[in-house]
Amino acid sequence: MIVAPLECNNPSGEHLLIDTQHYELHFETNARVSIIQRNGTITELRNYMIRDADWTDVDPYERIAYSTHNGYIGVCAKTTETRA
């Protein structure tokens, strides 16, 4: 799980939340990207499905990159799956 403030140096403001859930049967991990509002409610933004046949779980710190620079939110999810 990743929790990061949306505004630099404002820990009491809104936060970006990225949490992951692994589905062993399908060799997939779902990464849910949300915003935690100041009042504690969660606004879901997007879900990313990361498919890797050789991983048991996705470490969000190694496989998911994010930025909250200049008021924009950017998220990238890396997969190592190769297709023949």
PDB file of N, CA and C in Angstrom:
ATOM      1  N   MET A   1       0.846  -1.164   0.000  1.00  0.00           N
ATOM      2  CA  MET A   1       0.000   0.000   0.000  1.00  0.00           C
ATOM      3  C   MET A   1       0.896   1.233   0.000  1.00  0.00           C
ATOM      4  N   ILE A   2       0.504   2.202  -0.830  1.00  0.00           N
ATOM      5  CA  ILE A   2       1.205   3.478  -0.894  1.00  0.00           C
ATOM      6  C   ILE A   2       0.206   4.569  -0.513  1.00  0.00           C
ATOM      7  N   VAL A   3       0.602   5.431   0.407  1.00  0.00           N
ATOM      8  CA  VAL A   3      -0.196   6.602   0.766  1.00  0.00           C
ATOM      9  C   VAL A   3       0.742   7.803   0.703  1.00  0.00           C
ATOM     10  N   ALA A   4       0.387   8.788  -0.142  1.00  0.00           N
ATOM     11  CA  ALA A   4       1.254   9.951  -0.319  1.00  0.00           C
ATOM     12  C   ALA A   4       0.400  11.212  -0.392  1.00  0.00           C
ATOM     13  N   PRO A   5       0.858  12.303   0.246  1.00  0.00           N
ATOM     14  CA  PRO A   5       0.092  13.550   0.169  1.00  0.00           C
ATOM     15  C   PRO A   5       0.034  14.075  -1.265  1.00  0.00           C
ATOM     16  N   LEU A   6      -1.120  14.613  -1.650  1.00  0.00           N
ATOM     17  CA  LEU A   6      -1.259  15.184  -2.993  1.00  0.00           C
ATOM     18  C   LEU A   6      -0.525  16.509  -3.113  1.00  0.00           C
ATOM     19  N   GLU A   7      -0.439  17.256  -2.034  1.00  0.00           N
ATOM     20  CA  GLU A   7       0.282  18.520  -2.030  1.00  0.00           C
ATOM     21  C   GLU A   7       1.550  18.361  -1.212  1.00  0.00           C
ATOM     22  N   CYS A   8       2.656  18.786  -1.779  1.00  0.00           N
ATOM     23  CA  CYS A   8       3.934  18.714  -1.084  1.00  0.00           C
ATOM     24  C   CYS A   8       3.879  19.529   0.200  1.00  0.00           C
ATOM     25  N   ASN A   9       4.411  18.980   1.273  1.00  0.00           N
ATOM     26  CA  ASN A   9       4.468  19.629   2.585  1.00  0.00           C
ATOM     27  C   ASN A   9       3.092  19.946   3.172  1.00  0.00           C
ATOM     28  N   ASN A  10       2.065  19.168   2.799  1.00  0.00           N
ATOM     29  CA  ASN A  10       0.740  19.362   3.365  1.00  0.00           C
ATOM     30  C   ASN A  10       0.183  18.004   3.820  1.00  0.00           C
ATOM     31  N   PRO A  11       0.691  17.473   4.945  1.00  0.00           N
ATOM     32  CA  PRO A  11       0.253  16.147   5.393  1.00  0.00           C
ATOM     33  C   PRO A  11      -1.201  16.105   5.859  1.00  0.00           C
ATOM     34  N   SER A  12      -1.835  17.250   6.100  1.00  0.00           N
ATOM     35  CA  SER A  12      -3.232  17.252   6.543  1.00  0.00           C
ATOM     36  C   SER A  12      -4.210  17.360   5.373  1.00  0.00           C
ATOM     37  N   GLY A  13      -3.699  17.411   4.141  1.00  0.00           N
ATOM     38  CA  GLY A  13      -4.561  17.528   2.960  1.00  0.00           C
ATOM     39  C   GLY A  13      -4.987  16.165   2.432  1.00  0.00           C
ATOM     40  N   GLU A  14      -5.438  16.153   1.184  1.00  0.00           N
ATOM     41  CA  GLU A  14      -5.846  14.917   0.542  1.00  0.00           C
ATOM     42  C   GLU A  14      -4.624  14.068   0.215  1.00  0.00           C
ATOM     43  N   HIS A  15      -4.845  12.738   0.111  1.00  0.00           N
ATOM     44  CA  HIS A  15      -3.753  11.805  -0.137  1.00  0.00           C
ATOM     45  C   HIS A  15      -4.076  10.877  -1.302  1.00  0.00           C
ATOM     46  N   LEU A  16      -3.035  10.472  -2.004  1.00  0.00           N
ATOM     47  CA  LEU A  16      -3.138   9.450  -3.031  1.00  0.00           C
ATOM     48  C   LEU A  16      -2.991   8.100  -2.345  1.00  0.00           C
ATOM     49  N   LEU A  17      -3.867   7.160  -2.676  1.00  0.00           N
ATOM     50  CA  LEU A  17      -3.835   5.808  -2.107  1.00  0.00           C
ATOM     51  C   LEU A  17      -3.701   4.812  -3.245  1.00  0.00           C
ATOM     52  N   ILE A  18      -2.685   3.966  -3.179  1.00  0.00           N
ATOM     53  CA  ILE A  18      -2.524   2.876  -4.135  1.00  0.00           C
ATOM     54  C   ILE A  18      -2.407   1.597  -3.323  1.00  0.00           C
ATOM     55  N   ASP A  19      -3.415   0.724  -3.449  1.00  0.00           N
ATOM     56  CA  ASP A  19      -3.348  -0.554  -2.741  1.00  0.00           C
ATOM     57  C   ASP A  19      -3.492  -1.689  -3.738  1.00  0.00           C
ATOM     58  N   THR A  20      -2.913  -2.830  -3.396  1.00  0.00           N
ATOM     59  CA  THR A  20      -2.891  -3.964  -4.309  1.00  0.00           C
ATOM     60  C   THR A  20      -3.551  -5.176  -3.681  1.00  0.00           C
ATOM     61  N   GLN A  21      -4.136  -6.001  -4.555  1.00  0.00           N
ATOM     62  CA  GLN A  21      -4.719  -7.267  -4.133  1.00  0.00           C
ATOM     63  C   GLN A  21      -4.340  -8.313  -5.165  1.00  0.00           C
ATOM     64  N   HIS A  22      -3.778  -9.432  -4.687  1.00  0.00           N
ATOM     65  CA  HIS A  22      -3.297 -10.480  -5.585  1.00  0.00           C
ATOM     66  C   HIS A  22      -4.347 -11.562  -5.770  1.00  0.00           C
ATOM     67  N   TYR A  23      -4.507 -12.015  -7.013  1.00  0.00           N
ATOM     68  CA  TYR A  23      -5.403 -13.123  -7.353  1.00  0.00           C
ATOM     69  C   TYR A  23      -4.544 -14.275  -7.863  1.00  0.00           C
ATOM     70  N   GLU A  24      -4.229 -15.229  -6.968  1.00  0.00           N
ATOM     71  CA  GLU A  24      -3.320 -16.320  -7.313  1.00  0.00           C
ATOM     72  C   GLU A  24      -3.809 -17.175  -8.461  1.00  0.00           C
ATOM     73  N   LEU A  25      -5.097 -17.451  -8.491  1.00  0.00           N
ATOM     74  CA  LEU A  25      -5.639 -18.350  -9.501  1.00  0.00           C
ATOM     75  C   LEU A  25      -5.382 -17.839 -10.915  1.00  0.00           C
ATOM     76  N   HIS A  26      -5.399 -16.519 -11.097  1.00  0.00           N
ATOM     77  CA  HIS A  26      -5.244 -15.939 -12.422  1.00  0.00           C
ATOM     78  C   HIS A  26      -3.878 -15.296 -12.635  1.00  0.00           C
ATOM     79  N   PHE A  27      -2.968 -15.397 -11.648  1.00  0.00           N
ATOM     80  CA  PHE A  27      -1.640 -14.790 -11.736  1.00  0.00           C
ATOM     81  C   PHE A  27      -1.744 -13.295 -12.048  1.00  0.00           C
ATOM     82  N   GLU A  28      -2.650 -12.625 -11.346  1.00  0.00           N
ATOM     83  CA  GLU A  28      -2.877 -11.203 -11.560  1.00  0.00           C
ATOM     84  C   GLU A  28      -2.868 -10.465 -10.231  1.00  0.00           C
ATOM     85  N   THR A  29      -2.522  -9.201 -10.298  1.00  0.00           N
ATOM     86  CA  THR A  29      -2.618  -8.319  -9.138  1.00  0.00           C
ATOM     87  C   THR A  29      -3.368  -7.070  -9.559  1.00  0.00           C
ATOM     88  N   ASN A  30      -4.373  -6.702  -8.798  1.00  0.00           N
ATOM     89  CA  ASN A  30      -5.138  -5.495  -9.060  1.00  0.00           C
ATOM     90  C   ASN A  30      -4.545  -4.352  -8.227  1.00  0.00           C
ATOM     91  N   ALA A  31      -4.228  -3.244  -8.878  1.00  0.00           N
ATOM     92  CA  ALA A  31      -3.756  -2.044  -8.184  1.00  0.00           C
ATOM     93  C   ALA A  31      -4.873  -1.006  -8.268  1.00  0.00           C
ATOM     94  N   ARG A  32      -5.424  -0.642  -7.123  1.00  0.00           N
ATOM     95  CA  ARG A  32      -6.515   0.330  -7.066  1.00  0.00           C
ATOM     96  C   ARG A  32      -5.933   1.689  -6.694  1.00  0.00           C
ATOM     97  N   VAL A  33      -6.228   2.697  -7.501  1.00  0.00           N
ATOM     98  CA  VAL A  33      -5.736   4.055  -7.272  1.00  0.00           C
ATOM     99  C   VAL A  33      -6.917   4.912  -6.833  1.00  0.00           C
ATOM    100  N   SER A  34      -6.778   5.564  -5.677  1.00  0.00           N
ATOM    101  CA  SER A  34      -7.859   6.358  -5.103  1.00  0.00           C
ATOM    102  C   SER A  34      -7.299   7.625  -4.474  1.00  0.00           C
ATOM    103  N   ILE A  35      -8.217   8.520  -4.115  1.00  0.00           N
ATOM    104  CA  ILE A  35      -7.866   9.710  -3.336  1.00  0.00           C
ATOM    105  C   ILE A  35      -8.577   9.618  -2.001  1.00  0.00           C
ATOM    106  N   ILE A  36      -7.830   9.827  -0.932  1.00  0.00           N
ATOM    107  CA  ILE A  36      -8.425   9.918   0.398  1.00  0.00           C
ATOM    108  C   ILE A  36      -8.710  11.398   0.643  1.00  0.00           C
ATOM    109  N   GLN A  37      -9.999  11.728   0.739  1.00  0.00           N
ATOM    110  CA  GLN A  37     -10.409  13.112   0.952  1.00  0.00           C
ATOM    111  C   GLN A  37     -10.065  13.543   2.381  1.00  0.00           C
ATOM    112  N   ARG A  38     -10.092  14.834   2.633  1.00  0.00           N
ATOM    113  CA  ARG A  38      -9.803  15.362   3.980  1.00  0.00           C
ATOM    114  C   ARG A  38     -10.757  14.816   5.032  1.00  0.00           C
ATOM    115  N   ASN A  39     -12.011  14.524   4.643  1.00  0.00           N
ATOM    116  CA  ASN A  39     -12.989  14.009   5.604  1.00  0.00           C
ATOM    117  C   ASN A  39     -12.910  12.491   5.768  1.00  0.00           C
ATOM    118  N   GLY A  40     -11.960  11.847   5.092  1.00  0.00           N
ATOM    119  CA  GLY A  40     -11.759  10.408   5.241  1.00  0.00           C
ATOM    120  C   GLY A  40     -12.430   9.557   4.185  1.00  0.00           C
ATOM    121  N   THR A  41     -13.288  10.122   3.351  1.00  0.00           N
ATOM    122  CA  THR A  41     -13.924   9.326   2.307  1.00  0.00           C
ATOM    123  C   THR A  41     -12.918   9.027   1.201  1.00  0.00           C
ATOM    124  N   ILE A  42     -13.146   7.904   0.517  1.00  0.00           N
ATOM    125  CA  ILE A  42     -12.244   7.470  -0.545  1.00  0.00           C
ATOM    126  C   ILE A  42     -12.947   7.609  -1.890  1.00  0.00           C
ATOM    127  N   THR A  43     -12.293   8.299  -2.812  1.00  0.00           N
ATOM    128  CA  THR A  43     -12.790   8.445  -4.172  1.00  0.00           C
ATOM    129  C   THR A  43     -11.927   7.586  -5.078  1.00  0.00           C
ATOM    130  N   GLU A  44     -12.516   6.531  -5.639  1.00  0.00           N
ATOM    131  CA  GLU A  44     -11.755   5.634  -6.500  1.00  0.00           C
ATOM    132  C   GLU A  44     -11.549   6.279  -7.859  1.00  0.00           C
ATOM    133  N   LEU A  45     -10.300   6.220  -8.351  1.00  0.00           N
ATOM    134  CA  LEU A  45      -9.970   6.814  -9.644  1.00  0.00           C
ATOM    135  C   LEU A  45      -9.863   5.781 -10.751  1.00  0.00           C
ATOM    136  N   ARG A  46      -9.079   4.724 -10.504  1.00  0.00           N
ATOM    137  CA  ARG A  46      -8.789   3.768 -11.573  1.00  0.00           C
ATOM    138  C   ARG A  46      -8.272   2.474 -10.986  1.00  0.00           C
ATOM    139  N   ASN A  47      -8.481   1.370 -11.704  1.00  0.00           N
ATOM    140  CA  ASN A  47      -7.911   0.071 -11.362  1.00  0.00           C
ATOM    141  C   ASN A  47      -6.980  -0.360 -12.480  1.00  0.00           C
ATOM    142  N   TYR A  48      -5.831  -0.891 -12.096  1.00  0.00           N
ATOM    143  CA  TYR A  48      -4.883  -1.439 -13.052  1.00  0.00           C
ATOM    144  C   TYR A  48      -4.725  -2.920 -12.756  1.00  0.00           C
ATOM    145  N   MET A  49      -4.778  -3.761 -13.791  1.00  0.00           N
ATOM    146  CA  MET A  49      -4.554  -5.185 -13.621  1.00  0.00           C
ATOM    147  C   MET A  49      -3.144  -5.483 -14.114  1.00  0.00           C
ATOM    148  N   ILE A  50      -2.321  -6.008 -13.212  1.00  0.00           N
ATOM    149  CA  ILE A  50      -0.935  -6.332 -13.534  1.00  0.00           C
ATOM    150  C   ILE A  50      -0.847  -7.845 -13.639  1.00  0.00           C
ATOM    151  N   ARG A  51      -0.498  -8.328 -14.821  1.00  0.00           N
ATOM    152  CA  ARG A  51      -0.463  -9.776 -15.062  1.00  0.00           C
ATOM    153  C   ARG A  51       0.983 -10.255 -15.140  1.00  0.00           C
ATOM    154  N   ASP A  52       1.320 -11.189 -14.289  1.00  0.00           N
ATOM    155  CA  ASP A  52       2.659 -11.775 -14.262  1.00  0.00           C
ATOM    156  C   ASP A  52       2.548 -13.233 -13.862  1.00  0.00           C
ATOM    157  N   ALA A  53       2.941 -14.115 -14.730  1.00  0.00           N
ATOM    158  CA  ALA A  53       2.860 -15.539 -14.431  1.00  0.00           C
ATOM    159  C   ALA A  53       3.922 -15.991 -13.441  1.00  0.00           C
ATOM    160  N   ASP A  54       5.004 -15.208 -13.290  1.00  0.00           N
ATOM    161  CA  ASP A  54       6.110 -15.656 -12.441  1.00  0.00           C
ATOM    162  C   ASP A  54       6.172 -14.933 -11.097  1.00  0.00           C
ATOM    163  N   TRP A  55       5.147 -14.176 -10.723  1.00  0.00           N
ATOM    164  CA  TRP A  55       5.151 -13.455  -9.450  1.00  0.00           C
ATOM    165  C   TRP A  55       4.004 -13.940  -8.581  1.00  0.00           C
ATOM    166  N   THR A  56       4.226 -13.986  -7.286  1.00  0.00           N
ATOM    167  CA  THR A  56       3.141 -14.336  -6.372  1.00  0.00           C
ATOM    168  C   THR A  56       2.440 -13.094  -5.853  1.00  0.00           C
ATOM    169  N   ASP A  57       3.097 -11.957  -5.922  1.00  0.00           N
ATOM    170  CA  ASP A  57       2.486 -10.698  -5.512  1.00  0.00           C
ATOM    171  C   ASP A  57       3.293  -9.555  -6.106  1.00  0.00           C
ATOM    172  N   VAL A  58       2.688  -8.402  -6.218  1.00  0.00           N
ATOM    173  CA  VAL A  58       3.352  -7.226  -6.779  1.00  0.00           C
ATOM    174  C   VAL A  58       3.727  -6.296  -5.637  1.00  0.00           C
ATOM    175  N   ASP A  59       5.005  -5.971  -5.548  1.00  0.00           N
ATOM    176  CA  ASP A  59       5.463  -5.001  -4.565  1.00  0.00           C
ATOM    177  C   ASP A  59       5.182  -3.612  -5.135  1.00  0.00           C
ATOM    178  N   PRO A  60       4.233  -2.866  -4.546  1.00  0.00           N
ATOM    179  CA  PRO A  60       3.866  -1.583  -5.138  1.00  0.00           C
ATOM    180  C   PRO A  60       5.015  -0.583  -5.197  1.00  0.00           C
ATOM    181  N   TYR A  61       6.010  -0.733  -4.327  1.00  0.00           N
ATOM    182  CA  TYR A  61       7.130   0.204  -4.346  1.00  0.00           C
ATOM    183  C   TYR A  61       8.095  -0.082  -5.490  1.00  0.00           C
ATOM    184  N   GLU A  62       8.082  -1.305  -6.016  1.00  0.00           N
ATOM    185  CA  GLU A  62       8.972  -1.650  -7.116  1.00  0.00           C
ATOM    186  C   GLU A  62       8.276  -1.634  -8.468  1.00  0.00           C
ATOM    187  N   ARG A  63       6.965  -1.844  -8.501  1.00  0.00           N
ATOM    188  CA  ARG A  63       6.275  -2.065  -9.762  1.00  0.00           C
ATOM    189  C   ARG A  63       5.296  -0.963 -10.143  1.00  0.00           C
ATOM    190  N   ILE A  64       5.037  -0.029  -9.232  1.00  0.00           N
ATOM    191  CA  ILE A  64       4.088   1.042  -9.519  1.00  0.00           C
ATOM    192  C   ILE A  64       4.764   2.379  -9.251  1.00  0.00           C
ATOM    193  N   ALA A  65       4.734   3.243 -10.254  1.00  0.00           N
ATOM    194  CA  ALA A  65       5.314   4.581 -10.107  1.00  0.00           C
ATOM    195  C   ALA A  65       4.191   5.600 -10.146  1.00  0.00           C
ATOM    196  N   TYR A  66       4.353   6.677  -9.401  1.00  0.00           N
ATOM    197  CA  TYR A  66       3.313   7.702  -9.375  1.00  0.00           C
ATOM    198  C   TYR A  66       3.950   9.080  -9.247  1.00  0.00           C
ATOM    199  N   SER A  67       3.184  10.085  -9.632  1.00  0.00           N
ATOM    200  CA  SER A  67       3.605  11.470  -9.475  1.00  0.00           C
ATOM    201  C   SER A  67       2.376  12.310  -9.163  1.00  0.00           C
ATOM    202  N   THR A  68       2.547  13.302  -8.304  1.00  0.00           N
ATOM    203  CA  THR A  68       1.476  14.255  -8.010  1.00  0.00           C
ATOM    204  C   THR A  68       1.964  15.679  -8.293  1.00  0.00           C
ATOM    205  N   HIS A  69       2.895  15.809  -9.205  1.00  0.00           N
ATOM    206  CA  HIS A  69       3.541  17.081  -9.502  1.00  0.00           C
ATOM    207  C   HIS A  69       2.604  18.031 -10.250  1.00  0.00           C
ATOM    208  N   ASN A  70       2.646  19.305  -9.917  1.00  0.00           N
ATOM    209  CA  ASN A  70       1.900  20.379 -10.589  1.00  0.00           C
ATOM    210  C   ASN A  70       0.388  20.158 -10.609  1.00  0.00           C
ATOM    211  N   GLY A  71      -0.144  19.483  -9.602  1.00  0.00           N
ATOM    212  CA  GLY A  71      -1.586  19.309  -9.518  1.00  0.00           C
ATOM    213  C   GLY A  71      -2.145  18.188 -10.366  1.00  0.00           C
ATOM    214  N   TYR A  72      -1.293  17.413 -11.015  1.00  0.00           N
ATOM    215  CA  TYR A  72      -1.723  16.273 -11.823  1.00  0.00           C
ATOM    216  C   TYR A  72      -1.332  14.982 -11.119  1.00  0.00           C
ATOM    217  N   ILE A  73      -2.102  13.926 -11.366  1.00  0.00           N
ATOM    218  CA  ILE A  73      -1.784  12.608 -10.824  1.00  0.00           C
ATOM    219  C   ILE A  73      -1.419  11.709 -11.992  1.00  0.00           C
ATOM    220  N   GLY A  74      -0.246  11.112 -11.922  1.00  0.00           N
ATOM    221  CA  GLY A  74       0.190  10.165 -12.944  1.00  0.00           C
ATOM    222  C   GLY A  74       0.551   8.852 -12.289  1.00  0.00           C
ATOM    223  N   VAL A  75       0.097   7.745 -12.872  1.00  0.00           N
ATOM    224  CA  VAL A  75       0.376   6.415 -12.322  1.00  0.00           C
ATOM    225  C   VAL A  75       0.782   5.503 -13.468  1.00  0.00           C
ATOM    226  N   CYS A  76       1.855   4.731 -13.265  1.00  0.00           N
ATOM    227  CA  CYS A  76       2.302   3.724 -14.221  1.00  0.00           C
ATOM    228  C   CYS A  76       2.471   2.404 -13.498  1.00  0.00           C
ATOM    229  N   ALA A  77       2.072   1.324 -14.138  1.00  0.00           N
ATOM    230  CA  ALA A  77       2.243  -0.015 -13.572  1.00  0.00           C
ATOM    231  C   ALA A  77       3.080  -0.833 -14.534  1.00  0.00           C
ATOM    232  N   LYS A  78       4.155  -1.440 -14.009  1.00  0.00           N
ATOM    233  CA  LYS A  78       5.086  -2.213 -14.826  1.00  0.00           C
ATOM    234  C   LYS A  78       4.766  -3.687 -14.730  1.00  0.00           C
ATOM    235  N   THR A  79       4.792  -4.361 -15.871  1.00  0.00           N
ATOM    236  CA  THR A  79       4.622  -5.803 -15.888  1.00  0.00           C
ATOM    237  C   THR A  79       5.856  -6.429 -16.501  1.00  0.00           C
ATOM    238  N   THR A  80       6.158  -7.662 -16.132  1.00  0.00           N
ATOM    239  CA  THR A  80       7.310  -8.361 -16.697  1.00  0.00           C
ATOM    240  C   THR A  80       6.866  -9.516 -17.586  1.00  0.00           C
ATOM    241  N   GLU A  81       5.582  -9.593 -17.858  1.00  0.00           N
ATOM    242  CA  GLU A  81       5.050 -10.680 -18.664  1.00  0.00           C
ATOM    243  C   GLU A  81       5.564 -10.578 -20.092  1.00  0.00           C
ATOM    244  N   THR A  82       5.987 -11.688 -20.648  1.00  0.00           N
ATOM    245  CA  THR A  82       6.409 -11.728 -22.045  1.00  0.00           C
ATOM    246  C   THR A  82       5.483 -12.661 -22.799  1.00  0.00           C
ATOM    247  N   ARG A  83       5.138 -12.276 -23.985  1.00  0.00           N
ATOM    248  CA  ARG A  83       4.241 -13.094 -24.809  1.00  0.00           C
ATOM    249  C   ARG A  83       4.991 -13.567 -26.038  1.00  0.00           C
ATOM    250  N   ALA A  84       4.779 -14.808 -26.384  1.00  0.00           N
ATOM    251  CA  ALA A  84       5.461 -15.387 -27.554  1.00  0.00           C
ATOM    252  C   ALA A  84       4.700 -15.089 -28.819  1.00  0.00           C
TER     253      ALA A  84
END
